[in-house]
Amino acid sequence: MQVSKMLGHASFVTTLNVYADYISEAEGGKHAPLTRPVAAPAPQSVPKVANLR
């Protein structure tokens, strides 16, 4: 219920209605039809410093 208050929801029911699809069965929720977002790998950057040899 504290999360509901931090998010500004008047009731925990509102929070569950909004976020229930993101809670997996392993975490006590229903089977999530949406996949969790996955961060893209960081691009390989080219060094911006030249060797001074």
N, C-alpha and C. Protein backbone atom coordinates (compact mmCIF):
# COMPACT_ATOMS: atom_id res chain seq x y z
N MET A 1 0.81 -1.19 0.00
CA MET A 1 0.00 0.00 0.00
C MET A 1 0.86 1.26 0.00
N GLN A 2 2.06 1.18 0.55
CA GLN A 2 2.92 2.36 0.55
C GLN A 2 3.32 2.76 -0.86
N VAL A 3 3.52 1.76 -1.73
CA VAL A 3 3.86 2.06 -3.11
C VAL A 3 2.73 2.84 -3.77
N SER A 4 1.50 2.45 -3.49
CA SER A 4 0.35 3.15 -4.05
C SER A 4 0.37 4.63 -3.65
N LYS A 5 0.68 4.88 -2.41
CA LYS A 5 0.72 6.27 -1.93
C LYS A 5 1.87 7.03 -2.57
N MET A 6 3.05 6.38 -2.73
CA MET A 6 4.18 7.04 -3.36
C MET A 6 3.89 7.38 -4.81
N LEU A 7 3.09 6.55 -5.48
CA LEU A 7 2.73 6.80 -6.87
C LEU A 7 1.57 7.77 -6.99
N GLY A 8 0.97 8.15 -5.86
CA GLY A 8 -0.12 9.10 -5.89
C GLY A 8 -1.48 8.48 -6.14
N HIS A 9 -1.57 7.14 -6.01
CA HIS A 9 -2.85 6.47 -6.22
C HIS A 9 -3.65 6.50 -4.92
N ALA A 10 -4.94 6.72 -5.05
CA ALA A 10 -5.81 6.77 -3.87
C ALA A 10 -5.98 5.39 -3.24
N SER A 11 -5.83 4.34 -4.03
CA SER A 11 -6.06 2.98 -3.54
C SER A 11 -5.03 2.03 -4.16
N PHE A 12 -4.70 0.96 -3.41
CA PHE A 12 -3.79 -0.04 -3.96
C PHE A 12 -4.43 -0.76 -5.14
N VAL A 13 -5.76 -0.76 -5.21
CA VAL A 13 -6.46 -1.40 -6.33
C VAL A 13 -6.10 -0.69 -7.64
N THR A 14 -5.99 0.63 -7.60
CA THR A 14 -5.60 1.38 -8.78
C THR A 14 -4.20 0.96 -9.23
N THR A 15 -3.28 0.84 -8.29
CA THR A 15 -1.91 0.43 -8.61
C THR A 15 -1.90 -0.96 -9.25
N LEU A 16 -2.65 -1.89 -8.67
CA LEU A 16 -2.69 -3.25 -9.23
C LEU A 16 -3.32 -3.26 -10.62
N ASN A 17 -4.35 -2.48 -10.83
CA ASN A 17 -4.98 -2.42 -12.15
C ASN A 17 -4.02 -1.88 -13.21
N VAL A 18 -3.19 -0.93 -12.82
CA VAL A 18 -2.26 -0.31 -13.78
C VAL A 18 -1.05 -1.21 -14.03
N TYR A 19 -0.50 -1.78 -12.97
CA TYR A 19 0.79 -2.48 -13.09
C TYR A 19 0.72 -4.00 -13.02
N ALA A 20 -0.45 -4.59 -12.91
CA ALA A 20 -0.58 -6.04 -12.75
C ALA A 20 0.04 -6.81 -13.92
N ASP A 21 0.01 -6.27 -15.12
CA ASP A 21 0.56 -6.98 -16.28
C ASP A 21 2.08 -7.09 -16.21
N TYR A 22 2.72 -6.33 -15.35
CA TYR A 22 4.18 -6.35 -15.26
C TYR A 22 4.69 -7.22 -14.12
N ILE A 23 3.78 -7.80 -13.32
CA ILE A 23 4.18 -8.65 -12.20
C ILE A 23 4.12 -10.09 -12.67
N SER A 24 5.25 -10.78 -12.62
CA SER A 24 5.30 -12.16 -13.12
C SER A 24 4.64 -13.12 -12.12
N GLU A 25 4.34 -14.32 -12.60
CA GLU A 25 3.76 -15.34 -11.73
C GLU A 25 4.70 -15.68 -10.60
N ALA A 26 6.00 -15.69 -10.87
CA ALA A 26 6.98 -16.01 -9.85
C ALA A 26 6.97 -14.97 -8.73
N GLU A 27 6.53 -13.76 -9.04
CA GLU A 27 6.47 -12.69 -8.04
C GLU A 27 5.08 -12.57 -7.43
N GLY A 28 4.20 -13.52 -7.73
CA GLY A 28 2.87 -13.52 -7.14
C GLY A 28 1.78 -12.94 -8.02
N GLY A 29 2.10 -12.59 -9.24
CA GLY A 29 1.11 -12.02 -10.15
C GLY A 29 0.61 -13.06 -11.14
N LYS A 30 -0.25 -12.60 -12.03
CA LYS A 30 -0.73 -13.50 -13.07
C LYS A 30 0.33 -13.62 -14.16
N HIS A 31 0.13 -14.53 -15.08
CA HIS A 31 1.06 -14.68 -16.18
C HIS A 31 1.10 -13.37 -16.96
N ALA A 32 2.26 -12.76 -17.06
CA ALA A 32 2.39 -11.45 -17.69
C ALA A 32 2.36 -11.60 -19.21
N PRO A 33 1.39 -10.98 -19.90
CA PRO A 33 1.33 -11.05 -21.35
C PRO A 33 2.39 -10.17 -22.03
N LEU A 34 2.90 -9.21 -21.28
CA LEU A 34 3.92 -8.32 -21.84
C LEU A 34 5.29 -8.76 -21.35
N THR A 35 6.28 -8.61 -22.18
CA THR A 35 7.63 -8.94 -21.75
C THR A 35 8.23 -7.74 -21.05
N ARG A 36 9.13 -8.02 -20.16
CA ARG A 36 9.81 -6.93 -19.45
C ARG A 36 10.80 -6.26 -20.39
N PRO A 37 10.93 -4.97 -20.28
CA PRO A 37 11.89 -4.26 -21.14
C PRO A 37 13.31 -4.72 -20.84
N VAL A 38 14.12 -4.80 -21.87
CA VAL A 38 15.51 -5.19 -21.73
C VAL A 38 16.36 -4.07 -22.30
N ALA A 39 17.36 -3.67 -21.54
CA ALA A 39 18.23 -2.58 -21.98
C ALA A 39 19.07 -3.05 -23.17
N ALA A 40 19.22 -2.17 -24.12
CA ALA A 40 20.05 -2.47 -25.29
C ALA A 40 21.52 -2.43 -24.86
N PRO A 41 22.35 -3.27 -25.46
CA PRO A 41 23.77 -3.23 -25.10
C PRO A 41 24.38 -1.88 -25.48
N ALA A 42 25.32 -1.48 -24.67
CA ALA A 42 25.99 -0.20 -24.93
C ALA A 42 26.79 -0.29 -26.23
N PRO A 43 26.72 0.73 -27.06
CA PRO A 43 27.49 0.69 -28.31
C PRO A 43 28.98 0.74 -28.02
N GLN A 44 29.74 0.09 -28.87
CA GLN A 44 31.19 0.12 -28.73
C GLN A 44 31.69 1.49 -29.15
N SER A 45 32.32 2.17 -28.24
CA SER A 45 32.77 3.53 -28.56
C SER A 45 34.22 3.51 -29.03
N VAL A 46 34.54 4.45 -29.87
CA VAL A 46 35.90 4.62 -30.38
C VAL A 46 36.62 5.57 -29.44
N PRO A 47 37.82 5.20 -28.99
CA PRO A 47 38.55 6.10 -28.09
C PRO A 47 38.78 7.46 -28.75
N LYS A 48 38.64 8.51 -27.97
CA LYS A 48 38.81 9.86 -28.50
C LYS A 48 40.16 10.45 -28.13
N VAL A 49 41.06 9.57 -27.71
CA VAL A 49 42.40 10.01 -27.34
C VAL A 49 43.40 9.30 -28.25
N ALA A 50 44.32 10.04 -28.81
CA ALA A 50 45.35 9.47 -29.70
C ALA A 50 46.57 9.09 -28.89
N ASN A 51 47.21 7.98 -29.26
CA ASN A 51 48.45 7.60 -28.62
C ASN A 51 49.57 8.56 -29.05
N LEU A 52 50.34 9.04 -28.10
CA LEU A 52 51.45 9.97 -28.38
C LEU A 52 52.76 9.21 -28.25
N ARG A 53 53.11 8.44 -29.24
CA ARG A 53 54.37 7.68 -29.20
C ARG A 53 55.28 8.17 -30.27
